[in-house]
């Protein structure tokens, strides 16, 4: 397709046109220089666009991101003195990171106002203004391969990673994993073919920006989260439903039948849904019978033969899974259902699932020091995830929690903490509120720590004391599962998880040098 000057018509843009030079020398503005914005800038520059990057932070705060641009010939418009609207005054396209939208109150107010004017102008028929597209939507618009979108309140990353591992058991179809998992995949577009399989983790940030869905839409569960952005539980759940609403005619839903909100997404399209449950499977679904994960005649996707089921199949014994907790059994069922849709053989699924050990920062065992196991669950930012983590381990458990409050009701979590933990060490902005909530629920032992290093030392001392009074227990667990965002103390949850692991390593080293400590 030949592109002319003026705003780019996204509905006429495809990957072959980009390969042929459709974006060469076209002015494009990228908003935000975090992971997605950085990936957008590199991709668009590499295909020949004249890229301008806006970020309200000063260049001194963006040194690493600027270096990661690799010397590409882009224009930087950085800092609070820059008028964001001026950066796209002559642009043919505006591309954004998922967190930048006129609809979220968490977007920088000045940028939000400017974006709202841009969107209103486009909606009013002004085609002289550039189109607005997110990194997630641009990828799905251009991707030539079948896509698997994985979303939900918790379990997304484990389910996405395991799904990718199971699909990779079929060597004829290379697999790419990315999205909200921390790997923007727009930069992978030029290498993709119809033979690839793309697993795309999608969050509540990305879903409202999408204009089209994925070949398969996988749902783990939907409760409530991120009310600081969405305002109400109902609005949050409406955002999550977006992926189901965008399902293409030949697509399939993979739905958690144990979750009533997710199960409701099957209305009006049950014939296109594969369900999974931790019980006897529904016809055409995946579930549990005794010790086995079983599939009940799951039919393949049309693109891999369509309509061909295998009857009732025993896939694997669920005890072969290495990822702990009943919630991870549910995540595994979702991944297995998806792999069966794509025609992966059950025996290949079994081998790949049994070899999967989990993902970093999600129930990740970091070390065992003198009978104390340290578990990094930094991704546990939402109360349901923390409850699942607490239920995955035997007592005694010492919980490390706290960070930036997400505006979610934590009262139910407090009850479980009081039942499952012997103590909690609290950090960050939400530490005082969490401490009050846990104590009100009946937890007798709480402590405050000024940082994660101190929290690890305090939690270790409490765990060792618990073992000393009850040696028959054999092992205690120190669990970092914050029930909060990380932004008060860290760049993101991954930085928090790395800091936890560093603190544990320092503790282990000090103990090795002085066993009496």
Protein backbone atom coordinates (compact mmCIF):
# COMPACT_ATOMS: atom_id res chain seq x y z
CA UNK A 1 0.00 0.00 0.00
CA UNK A 2 1.30 3.45 -0.91
CA UNK A 3 0.95 6.03 1.86
CA UNK A 4 0.62 9.73 1.09
CA UNK A 5 1.22 12.71 3.33
CA UNK A 6 -1.25 13.57 6.06
CA UNK A 7 -2.66 11.50 8.91
CA UNK A 8 -2.14 7.77 8.52
CA UNK A 9 -5.24 5.62 7.96
CA UNK A 10 -4.62 2.77 10.40
CA UNK A 11 -7.31 0.61 8.80
CA UNK A 12 -5.29 0.61 5.55
CA UNK A 13 -1.92 0.02 7.17
CA UNK A 14 -0.53 -3.51 7.24
CA UNK A 15 2.82 -5.16 7.85
CA UNK A 16 3.62 -5.74 4.20
CA UNK A 17 3.06 -2.05 3.48
CA UNK A 18 5.42 -1.14 6.33
CA UNK A 19 8.03 -3.55 4.99
CA UNK A 20 7.64 -1.81 1.63
CA UNK A 21 8.29 1.60 3.18
CA UNK A 22 4.83 2.93 4.00
CA UNK A 23 6.12 4.74 7.10
CA UNK A 24 9.37 5.95 5.61
CA UNK A 25 9.92 9.65 6.41
CA UNK A 26 6.45 9.93 8.00
CA UNK A 27 6.34 12.07 11.17
CA UNK A 28 5.19 10.01 14.17
CA UNK A 29 4.99 11.07 17.82
CA UNK A 30 5.50 8.51 20.58
CA UNK A 31 4.13 9.38 24.01
CA UNK A 32 6.04 8.00 26.97
CA UNK A 33 9.56 6.60 27.23
CA UNK A 34 8.95 3.63 29.49
CA UNK A 35 9.13 0.06 28.14
CA UNK A 36 6.31 0.25 25.59
CA UNK A 37 7.19 3.75 24.42
CA UNK A 38 10.82 2.77 24.01
CA UNK A 39 9.85 -0.29 21.97
CA UNK A 40 7.51 1.79 19.81
CA UNK A 41 10.19 4.41 19.17
CA UNK A 42 12.76 1.81 18.13
CA UNK A 43 10.33 -0.07 15.88
CA UNK A 44 8.99 3.04 14.17
CA UNK A 45 12.45 4.50 13.69
CA UNK A 46 13.73 1.21 12.29
CA UNK A 47 11.00 1.19 9.62
CA UNK A 48 11.93 4.71 8.57
CA UNK A 49 9.53 6.98 10.43
CA UNK A 50 10.67 10.37 11.73
CA UNK A 51 10.04 9.84 15.41
CA UNK A 52 9.49 12.47 18.08
CA UNK A 53 9.30 11.22 21.67
CA UNK A 54 7.43 13.13 24.37
CA UNK A 55 7.81 12.44 28.07
CA UNK A 56 7.01 14.86 30.87
CA UNK A 57 10.04 13.73 32.85
CA UNK A 58 13.36 15.53 32.35
CA UNK A 59 16.18 13.94 30.37
CA UNK A 60 18.18 13.43 33.56
CA UNK A 61 15.51 10.99 34.79
CA UNK A 62 15.48 9.11 31.48
CA UNK A 63 19.16 8.47 30.92
CA UNK A 64 18.82 4.67 30.72
CA UNK A 65 15.90 4.86 28.29
CA UNK A 66 17.70 7.38 26.09
CA UNK A 67 20.74 5.11 25.99
CA UNK A 68 18.49 2.17 25.07
CA UNK A 69 17.42 4.06 21.94
CA UNK A 70 20.80 3.02 20.60
CA UNK A 71 21.62 6.29 18.86
CA UNK A 72 18.58 6.17 16.58
CA UNK A 73 17.82 9.49 14.86
CA UNK A 74 14.83 10.51 16.99
CA UNK A 75 13.78 13.91 18.33
CA UNK A 76 13.46 14.09 22.12
CA UNK A 77 10.83 16.43 23.59
CA UNK A 78 11.35 15.87 27.31
CA UNK A 79 10.52 17.68 30.49
CA UNK A 80 7.66 19.55 32.16
CA UNK A 81 8.21 22.69 30.10
CA UNK A 82 7.30 20.91 26.82
CA UNK A 83 3.74 21.37 25.54
CA UNK A 84 2.64 17.82 24.66
CA UNK A 85 0.18 18.96 21.98
CA UNK A 86 2.99 20.77 20.16
CA UNK A 87 4.82 17.46 19.68
CA UNK A 88 2.10 16.08 17.44
CA UNK A 89 1.05 19.29 15.66
CA UNK A 90 2.73 18.09 12.44
CA UNK A 91 2.53 14.33 13.10
CA UNK A 92 0.79 11.77 10.89
CA UNK A 93 0.34 9.36 13.79
CA UNK A 94 0.47 9.42 17.61
CA UNK A 95 1.46 6.16 19.32
CA UNK A 96 1.26 5.68 23.07
CA UNK A 97 2.35 3.54 25.96
CA UNK A 98 -0.65 1.73 27.50
CA UNK A 99 -0.70 3.87 30.63
CA UNK A 100 -1.15 7.07 28.61
CA UNK A 101 -4.78 7.66 27.73
CA UNK A 102 -7.31 10.49 28.06
CA UNK A 103 -9.60 8.09 29.95
CA UNK A 104 -7.42 7.37 33.00
CA UNK A 105 -7.06 9.83 35.89
CA UNK A 106 -3.56 8.44 36.42
CA UNK A 107 -2.37 10.04 33.15
CA UNK A 108 -0.46 13.31 33.62
CA UNK A 109 -3.25 15.97 33.75
CA UNK A 110 -1.79 18.28 31.10
CA UNK A 111 -1.22 15.39 28.69
CA UNK A 112 -4.63 13.95 29.45
CA UNK A 113 -6.30 17.26 28.54
CA UNK A 114 -4.36 17.52 25.28
CA UNK A 115 -5.18 13.93 24.34
CA UNK A 116 -8.86 14.47 25.06
CA UNK A 117 -8.87 17.38 22.61
CA UNK A 118 -7.15 15.20 20.00
CA UNK A 119 -9.65 12.36 20.43
CA UNK A 120 -12.63 14.73 20.35
CA UNK A 121 -11.36 16.32 17.15
CA UNK A 122 -11.05 12.91 15.48
CA UNK A 123 -14.48 11.85 16.75
CA UNK A 124 -15.93 15.06 15.33
CA UNK A 125 -14.72 14.14 11.86
CA UNK A 126 -11.54 16.22 11.73
CA UNK A 127 -9.27 14.00 9.63
CA UNK A 128 -6.51 16.60 9.61
CA UNK A 129 -5.58 15.49 13.13
CA UNK A 130 -3.44 12.36 13.58
CA UNK A 131 -4.89 9.04 14.67
CA UNK A 132 -4.09 7.77 18.15
CA UNK A 133 -2.97 4.16 18.64
CA UNK A 134 -1.49 2.24 21.57
CA UNK A 135 1.48 -0.09 21.33
CA UNK A 136 -0.80 -3.06 22.12
CA UNK A 137 -3.35 -2.14 19.45
CA UNK A 138 -0.73 -1.39 16.79
CA UNK A 139 0.77 -4.82 17.37
CA UNK A 140 -2.55 -6.64 16.99
CA UNK A 141 -3.43 -4.60 13.90
CA UNK A 142 -0.20 -5.64 12.20
CA UNK A 143 0.53 -9.12 13.56
CA UNK A 144 0.44 -11.82 10.82
CA UNK A 145 0.46 -14.74 13.31
CA UNK A 146 -2.32 -16.26 15.44
CA UNK A 147 -2.45 -14.56 18.83
CA UNK A 148 -3.37 -15.78 22.31
CA UNK A 149 -4.44 -12.96 24.60
CA UNK A 150 -4.23 -13.81 28.30
CA UNK A 151 -5.97 -11.58 30.82
CA UNK A 152 -7.48 -11.67 34.30
CA UNK A 153 -6.98 -10.14 37.72
CA UNK A 154 -4.32 -12.61 38.81
CA UNK A 155 -2.49 -15.52 37.23
CA UNK A 156 -1.85 -13.80 33.90
CA UNK A 157 1.92 -14.09 33.89
CA UNK A 158 2.09 -17.71 35.02
CA UNK A 159 -0.64 -18.70 32.56
CA UNK A 160 1.00 -16.77 29.70
CA UNK A 161 4.41 -18.28 30.40
CA UNK A 162 3.10 -21.82 30.73
CA UNK A 163 0.95 -21.42 27.60
CA UNK A 164 4.04 -20.33 25.66
CA UNK A 165 5.98 -23.32 27.01
CA UNK A 166 3.24 -25.77 25.96
CA UNK A 167 2.86 -24.27 22.49
CA UNK A 168 6.64 -24.41 22.05
CA UNK A 169 6.37 -28.19 22.41
CA UNK A 170 5.28 -28.11 18.74
CA UNK A 171 8.56 -27.31 16.92
CA UNK A 172 6.77 -26.45 13.68
CA UNK A 173 5.44 -23.25 15.19
CA UNK A 174 7.87 -20.80 16.85
CA UNK A 175 6.43 -19.03 19.88
CA UNK A 176 6.81 -15.40 20.97
CA UNK A 177 5.81 -14.35 24.50
CA UNK A 178 5.32 -10.73 25.51
CA UNK A 179 2.95 -7.90 26.36
CA UNK A 180 2.18 -6.92 29.93
CA UNK A 181 4.60 -9.58 31.12
CA UNK A 182 7.25 -6.89 30.65
CA UNK A 183 8.29 -7.55 27.06
CA UNK A 184 6.62 -5.20 24.53
CA UNK A 185 6.33 -7.20 21.33
CA UNK A 186 5.82 -4.52 18.72
CA UNK A 187 9.56 -4.77 17.98
CA UNK A 188 9.14 -8.45 17.04
CA UNK A 189 6.68 -7.73 14.23
CA UNK A 190 9.14 -7.83 11.35
CA UNK A 191 10.26 -11.37 12.21
CA UNK A 192 6.76 -12.85 12.57
CA UNK A 193 5.08 -15.14 10.03
CA UNK A 194 1.72 -16.93 9.96
CA UNK A 195 3.50 -20.01 11.31
CA UNK A 196 4.33 -18.28 14.60
CA UNK A 197 2.21 -18.35 17.74
CA UNK A 198 2.16 -15.15 19.83
CA UNK A 199 1.18 -15.23 23.52
CA UNK A 200 0.24 -11.69 24.53
CA UNK A 201 -0.42 -10.94 28.20
CA UNK A 202 -2.94 -8.09 28.34
CA UNK A 203 -3.68 -5.93 31.36
CA UNK A 204 -6.49 -3.55 32.25
CA UNK A 205 -4.25 -0.78 30.92
CA UNK A 206 -4.03 -2.25 27.44
CA UNK A 207 -7.53 -3.67 26.97
CA UNK A 208 -9.42 -0.33 26.68
CA UNK A 209 -7.05 0.75 23.91
CA UNK A 210 -7.73 -2.24 21.63
CA UNK A 211 -9.71 -2.04 18.41
CA UNK A 212 -9.48 -5.78 17.71
CA UNK A 213 -9.11 -8.99 19.65
CA UNK A 214 -6.87 -12.02 19.68
CA UNK A 215 -7.39 -15.39 17.99
CA UNK A 216 -7.86 -16.98 21.41
CA UNK A 217 -8.89 -15.02 24.51
CA UNK A 218 -7.85 -16.70 27.77
CA UNK A 219 -9.35 -15.57 31.08
CA UNK A 220 -7.90 -16.59 34.43
CA UNK A 221 -10.28 -14.83 36.87
CA UNK A 222 -11.83 -11.40 37.34
CA UNK A 223 -12.28 -9.88 40.80
CA UNK A 224 -11.30 -6.24 41.41
CA UNK A 225 -8.10 -4.25 41.05
CA UNK A 226 -6.75 -0.88 39.91
CA UNK A 227 -9.75 1.05 41.17
CA UNK A 228 -7.49 4.11 41.24
CA UNK A 229 -7.84 4.10 37.45
CA UNK A 230 -11.28 2.58 36.90
CA UNK A 231 -13.24 3.98 39.83
CA UNK A 232 -15.62 1.09 40.42
CA UNK A 233 -15.53 -2.70 40.38
CA UNK A 234 -18.18 -2.68 37.66
CA UNK A 235 -16.08 -0.47 35.39
CA UNK A 236 -12.99 -2.60 36.00
CA UNK A 237 -14.91 -5.73 35.06
CA UNK A 238 -16.31 -4.04 31.96
CA UNK A 239 -12.75 -3.28 30.86
CA UNK A 240 -11.74 -6.91 31.40
CA UNK A 241 -14.68 -8.09 29.29
CA UNK A 242 -13.32 -6.12 26.33
CA UNK A 243 -11.17 -8.99 25.04
CA UNK A 244 -14.18 -11.32 24.87
CA UNK A 245 -16.20 -8.67 23.08
CA UNK A 246 -13.51 -8.32 20.42
CA UNK A 247 -13.22 -12.06 19.68
CA UNK A 248 -13.02 -12.61 15.91
CA UNK A 249 -15.61 -14.89 14.22
CA UNK A 250 -13.22 -17.86 14.04
CA UNK A 251 -11.72 -17.22 17.49
CA UNK A 252 -12.20 -19.07 20.76
CA UNK A 253 -12.63 -18.14 24.41
CA UNK A 254 -10.87 -20.12 27.15
CA UNK A 255 -12.87 -19.49 30.32
CA UNK A 256 -12.45 -20.36 33.99
CA UNK A 257 -15.76 -22.01 34.85
CA UNK A 258 -14.93 -21.78 38.58
CA UNK A 259 -15.06 -17.98 38.37
CA UNK A 260 -18.64 -16.67 38.02
CA UNK A 261 -17.60 -13.39 36.41
CA UNK A 262 -15.48 -15.12 33.79
CA UNK A 263 -18.12 -17.80 33.19
CA UNK A 264 -20.62 -15.04 32.40
CA UNK A 265 -18.48 -14.03 29.40
CA UNK A 266 -19.72 -17.16 27.64
CA UNK A 267 -23.20 -15.70 27.22
CA UNK A 268 -24.20 -15.47 23.57
CA UNK A 269 -21.02 -17.27 22.47
CA UNK A 270 -20.85 -20.51 24.48
CA UNK A 271 -20.38 -22.41 21.21
CA UNK A 272 -17.01 -20.65 20.85
CA UNK A 273 -15.88 -21.25 24.45
CA UNK A 274 -13.60 -23.90 25.89
CA UNK A 275 -14.13 -24.04 29.64
CA UNK A 276 -11.83 -25.29 32.37
CA UNK A 277 -12.54 -26.08 36.01
CA UNK A 278 -10.94 -27.85 38.97
CA UNK A 279 -13.64 -30.51 38.79
CA UNK A 280 -15.05 -32.90 36.18
CA UNK A 281 -14.80 -31.05 32.85
CA UNK A 282 -17.71 -29.69 30.90
CA UNK A 283 -18.19 -31.23 27.42
CA UNK A 284 -15.51 -29.79 25.17
CA UNK A 285 -13.51 -28.55 28.16
CA UNK A 286 -10.69 -29.38 30.53
CA UNK A 287 -10.88 -30.39 34.19
CA UNK A 288 -9.90 -32.80 36.94
CA UNK A 289 -10.95 -36.39 37.47
CA UNK A 290 -9.31 -37.94 40.51
CA UNK A 291 -5.55 -37.55 40.15
CA UNK A 292 -5.70 -36.60 36.48
CA UNK A 293 -6.01 -33.51 34.34
CA UNK A 294 -8.42 -34.58 31.61
CA UNK A 295 -9.82 -33.10 28.41
CA UNK A 296 -13.32 -33.85 27.16
CA UNK A 297 -13.16 -33.78 23.37
CA UNK A 298 -11.59 -30.33 22.98
CA UNK A 299 -11.84 -29.39 19.30
CA UNK A 300 -8.99 -27.74 17.44
CA UNK A 301 -9.13 -24.21 16.14
CA UNK A 302 -10.29 -23.81 12.53
CA UNK A 303 -6.80 -22.61 11.54
CA UNK A 304 -5.28 -25.98 12.62
CA UNK A 305 -7.93 -28.27 11.21
CA UNK A 306 -11.04 -27.30 13.11
CA UNK A 307 -13.71 -29.57 14.49
CA UNK A 308 -11.29 -32.39 15.27
CA UNK A 309 -11.49 -33.57 18.86
CA UNK A 310 -9.61 -36.41 20.52
CA UNK A 311 -12.45 -37.67 22.67
CA UNK A 312 -11.81 -37.97 26.40
CA UNK A 313 -8.06 -37.76 27.06
CA UNK A 314 -5.97 -38.08 30.21
CA UNK A 315 -3.33 -35.38 29.78
CA UNK A 316 -1.25 -35.76 32.96
CA UNK A 317 -1.43 -36.34 36.69
CA UNK A 318 -1.84 -32.96 38.34
CA UNK A 319 0.80 -33.90 40.94
CA UNK A 320 3.40 -33.73 38.14
CA UNK A 321 3.06 -29.95 38.09
CA UNK A 322 5.93 -28.17 39.84
CA UNK A 323 4.14 -24.85 40.40
CA UNK A 324 2.63 -24.69 43.91
CA UNK A 325 -0.93 -23.91 44.95
CA UNK A 326 -4.44 -24.72 43.78
CA UNK A 327 -4.60 -21.44 41.89
CA UNK A 328 -1.68 -22.64 39.77
CA UNK A 329 -3.56 -25.85 38.99
CA UNK A 330 -6.28 -23.62 37.53
CA UNK A 331 -3.66 -21.66 35.57
CA UNK A 332 -2.28 -24.93 34.19
CA UNK A 333 -5.75 -26.01 33.03
CA UNK A 334 -6.09 -22.77 31.06
CA UNK A 335 -2.73 -23.29 29.38
CA UNK A 336 -3.50 -26.93 28.59
CA UNK A 337 -6.87 -26.02 27.07
CA UNK A 338 -5.13 -23.46 24.83
CA UNK A 339 -2.46 -25.92 23.72
CA UNK A 340 -5.14 -28.48 22.80
CA UNK A 341 -6.93 -25.83 20.72
CA UNK A 342 -3.73 -25.41 18.72
CA UNK A 343 -3.37 -29.15 18.18
CA UNK A 344 -0.42 -29.83 20.49
CA UNK A 345 -0.28 -33.54 21.32
CA UNK A 346 -1.27 -34.49 24.90
CA UNK A 347 2.00 -36.27 25.59
CA UNK A 348 3.98 -33.22 24.47
CA UNK A 349 1.80 -31.08 26.74
CA UNK A 350 2.48 -33.38 29.68
CA UNK A 351 6.27 -33.22 29.25
CA UNK A 352 6.32 -29.43 28.87
CA UNK A 353 3.93 -28.80 31.78
CA UNK A 354 5.84 -31.12 34.09
CA UNK A 355 9.10 -29.30 33.28
CA UNK A 356 7.67 -25.82 33.95
CA UNK A 357 8.92 -24.39 37.25
CA UNK A 358 7.16 -21.04 37.29
CA UNK A 359 8.09 -17.42 36.63
CA UNK A 360 10.29 -14.90 38.35
CA UNK A 361 8.60 -12.83 41.08
CA UNK A 362 5.59 -15.17 41.32
CA UNK A 363 5.89 -17.69 44.17
CA UNK A 364 9.58 -17.93 43.33
CA UNK A 365 11.61 -19.79 45.94
CA UNK A 366 14.76 -17.71 46.32
CA UNK A 367 16.71 -19.61 48.97
CA UNK A 368 16.46 -21.75 52.07
CA UNK A 369 18.62 -20.55 54.96
CA UNK A 370 18.80 -22.57 58.18
CA UNK A 371 15.31 -23.98 57.73
CA UNK A 372 13.74 -20.72 56.54
CA UNK A 373 12.44 -20.68 52.96
CA UNK A 374 12.33 -17.24 51.28
CA UNK A 375 9.66 -16.81 48.58
CA UNK A 376 9.53 -13.87 46.18
CA UNK A 377 5.94 -13.10 45.23
CA UNK A 378 6.53 -9.45 44.32
CA UNK A 379 3.84 -9.73 41.64
CA UNK A 380 1.30 -10.28 44.43
CA UNK A 381 -0.06 -6.74 44.30
CA UNK A 382 -3.72 -7.69 44.55
CA UNK A 383 -5.42 -9.28 47.61
CA UNK A 384 -6.63 -12.44 45.87
CA UNK A 385 -3.08 -13.14 44.72
CA UNK A 386 -1.76 -12.72 48.26
CA UNK A 387 -4.44 -15.06 49.62
CA UNK A 388 -3.45 -17.68 47.04
CA UNK A 389 0.21 -17.28 48.02
CA UNK A 390 -0.56 -17.69 51.73
CA UNK A 391 -2.57 -20.82 50.99
CA UNK A 392 0.22 -22.33 48.88
CA UNK A 393 2.56 -22.94 51.85
CA UNK A 394 2.34 -24.71 55.19
CA UNK A 395 2.77 -22.66 58.39
CA UNK A 396 4.59 -20.97 59.95
CA UNK A 397 4.55 -18.10 57.45
CA UNK A 398 5.91 -14.60 57.99
CA UNK A 399 4.41 -12.17 55.49
CA UNK A 400 6.24 -9.10 54.17
CA UNK A 401 3.68 -6.67 52.72
CA UNK A 402 3.16 -3.01 51.90
CA UNK A 403 3.81 -0.44 49.22
CA UNK A 404 1.58 1.97 47.36
CA UNK A 405 -2.12 1.44 48.00
CA UNK A 406 -4.18 0.49 44.92
CA UNK A 407 -7.54 1.54 46.31
CA UNK A 408 -8.78 -2.05 46.69
CA UNK A 409 -10.70 -3.41 49.70
CA UNK A 410 -8.24 -5.45 51.78
CA UNK A 411 -10.56 -6.52 54.60
CA UNK A 412 -10.96 -10.11 53.35
CA UNK A 413 -7.18 -10.39 53.00
CA UNK A 414 -6.69 -9.35 56.62
CA UNK A 415 -8.78 -12.29 57.81
CA UNK A 416 -6.67 -14.77 55.83
CA UNK A 417 -3.42 -13.17 57.02
CA UNK A 418 -4.58 -13.55 60.62
CA UNK A 419 -5.42 -17.22 59.97
CA UNK A 420 -2.36 -18.24 57.92
CA UNK A 421 0.57 -16.06 59.09
CA UNK A 422 2.34 -16.03 62.44
CA UNK A 423 3.46 -12.46 61.83
CA UNK A 424 3.64 -9.68 59.26
CA UNK A 425 6.42 -7.19 58.59
CA UNK A 426 5.07 -4.06 56.90
CA UNK A 427 6.84 -1.64 54.58
CA UNK A 428 6.01 1.36 52.42
CA UNK A 429 3.18 3.87 52.27
CA UNK A 430 0.44 1.35 52.97
CA UNK A 431 2.32 -0.25 55.87
CA UNK A 432 0.45 1.57 58.67
CA UNK A 433 -2.98 0.83 57.19
CA UNK A 434 -2.09 -2.82 56.59
CA UNK A 435 -0.77 -3.16 60.14
CA UNK A 436 -4.00 -1.74 61.58
CA UNK A 437 -6.12 -3.98 59.36
CA UNK A 438 -4.16 -7.15 60.19
CA UNK A 439 -4.22 -6.43 63.92
CA UNK A 440 -7.97 -5.74 63.83
CA UNK A 441 -8.44 -9.14 62.18
CA UNK A 442 -6.57 -10.84 65.03
CA UNK A 443 -2.91 -11.03 63.96
CA UNK A 444 -0.97 -10.59 67.20
CA UNK A 445 2.53 -10.02 65.85
CA UNK A 446 3.26 -7.17 63.42
CA UNK A 447 6.38 -5.09 62.90
CA UNK A 448 7.31 -2.11 60.74
CA UNK A 449 10.48 -1.86 58.65
CA UNK A 450 11.92 1.19 56.93
CA UNK A 451 13.03 -0.76 53.83
CA UNK A 452 13.10 -4.23 52.32
CA UNK A 453 16.54 -5.10 53.72
CA UNK A 454 15.33 -4.48 57.25
CA UNK A 455 12.07 -6.32 56.53
CA UNK A 456 13.95 -9.44 55.43
CA UNK A 457 16.10 -9.40 58.56
CA UNK A 458 13.09 -8.91 60.84
CA UNK A 459 11.05 -11.60 59.08
CA UNK A 460 13.96 -14.04 59.25
CA UNK A 461 14.33 -13.49 63.01
CA UNK A 462 10.61 -14.09 63.55
CA UNK A 463 10.64 -17.24 61.42
CA UNK A 464 13.65 -18.67 63.25
CA UNK A 465 12.00 -17.96 66.59
CA UNK A 466 8.87 -19.81 65.42
CA UNK A 467 11.00 -22.80 64.45
CA UNK A 468 12.89 -22.70 67.74
CA UNK A 469 9.65 -22.96 69.73
CA UNK A 470 8.21 -25.65 67.45
CA UNK A 471 11.16 -27.54 65.87
CA UNK A 472 8.91 -30.37 64.69
CA UNK A 473 7.59 -28.02 62.00
CA UNK A 474 10.91 -28.40 60.20
CA UNK A 475 10.60 -25.35 57.96
CA UNK A 476 9.24 -21.80 58.05
CA UNK A 477 8.47 -19.52 55.11
CA UNK A 478 9.19 -15.82 54.69
CA UNK A 479 6.83 -14.65 51.96
CA UNK A 480 7.12 -11.32 50.14
CA UNK A 481 3.60 -10.80 48.77
CA UNK A 482 2.99 -7.06 49.10
CA UNK A 483 -0.73 -6.54 48.43
CA UNK A 484 0.32 -3.17 47.01
CA UNK A 485 1.99 -1.53 44.05
CA UNK A 486 5.72 -0.88 44.18
CA UNK A 487 5.98 2.73 43.01
CA UNK A 488 6.51 4.31 46.43
CA UNK A 489 9.87 2.56 46.80
CA UNK A 490 10.77 0.91 43.46
CA UNK A 491 10.51 1.39 39.71
CA UNK A 492 8.22 -1.63 39.40
CA UNK A 493 7.41 -5.01 40.93
CA UNK A 494 10.44 -6.59 39.22
CA UNK A 495 12.81 -4.11 40.87
CA UNK A 496 11.15 -4.88 44.21
CA UNK A 497 11.57 -8.60 43.63
CA UNK A 498 15.23 -8.18 42.73
CA UNK A 499 15.76 -6.10 45.87
CA UNK A 500 14.18 -8.87 47.95
CA UNK A 501 16.46 -11.47 46.39
CA UNK A 502 19.49 -9.28 47.00
CA UNK A 503 18.48 -8.85 50.65
CA UNK A 504 18.07 -12.60 51.05
CA UNK A 505 21.44 -13.22 49.42
CA UNK A 506 23.07 -10.73 51.80
CA UNK A 507 21.40 -12.44 54.74
CA UNK A 508 22.58 -15.87 53.58
CA UNK A 509 26.13 -14.58 53.11
CA UNK A 510 26.20 -13.02 56.58
CA UNK A 511 24.86 -16.24 58.08
CA UNK A 512 27.53 -18.29 56.32
CA UNK A 513 30.20 -16.03 57.78
CA UNK A 514 28.64 -16.06 61.25
CA UNK A 515 26.40 -19.10 61.83
CA UNK A 516 25.32 -17.78 65.26
CA UNK A 517 23.58 -14.74 63.79
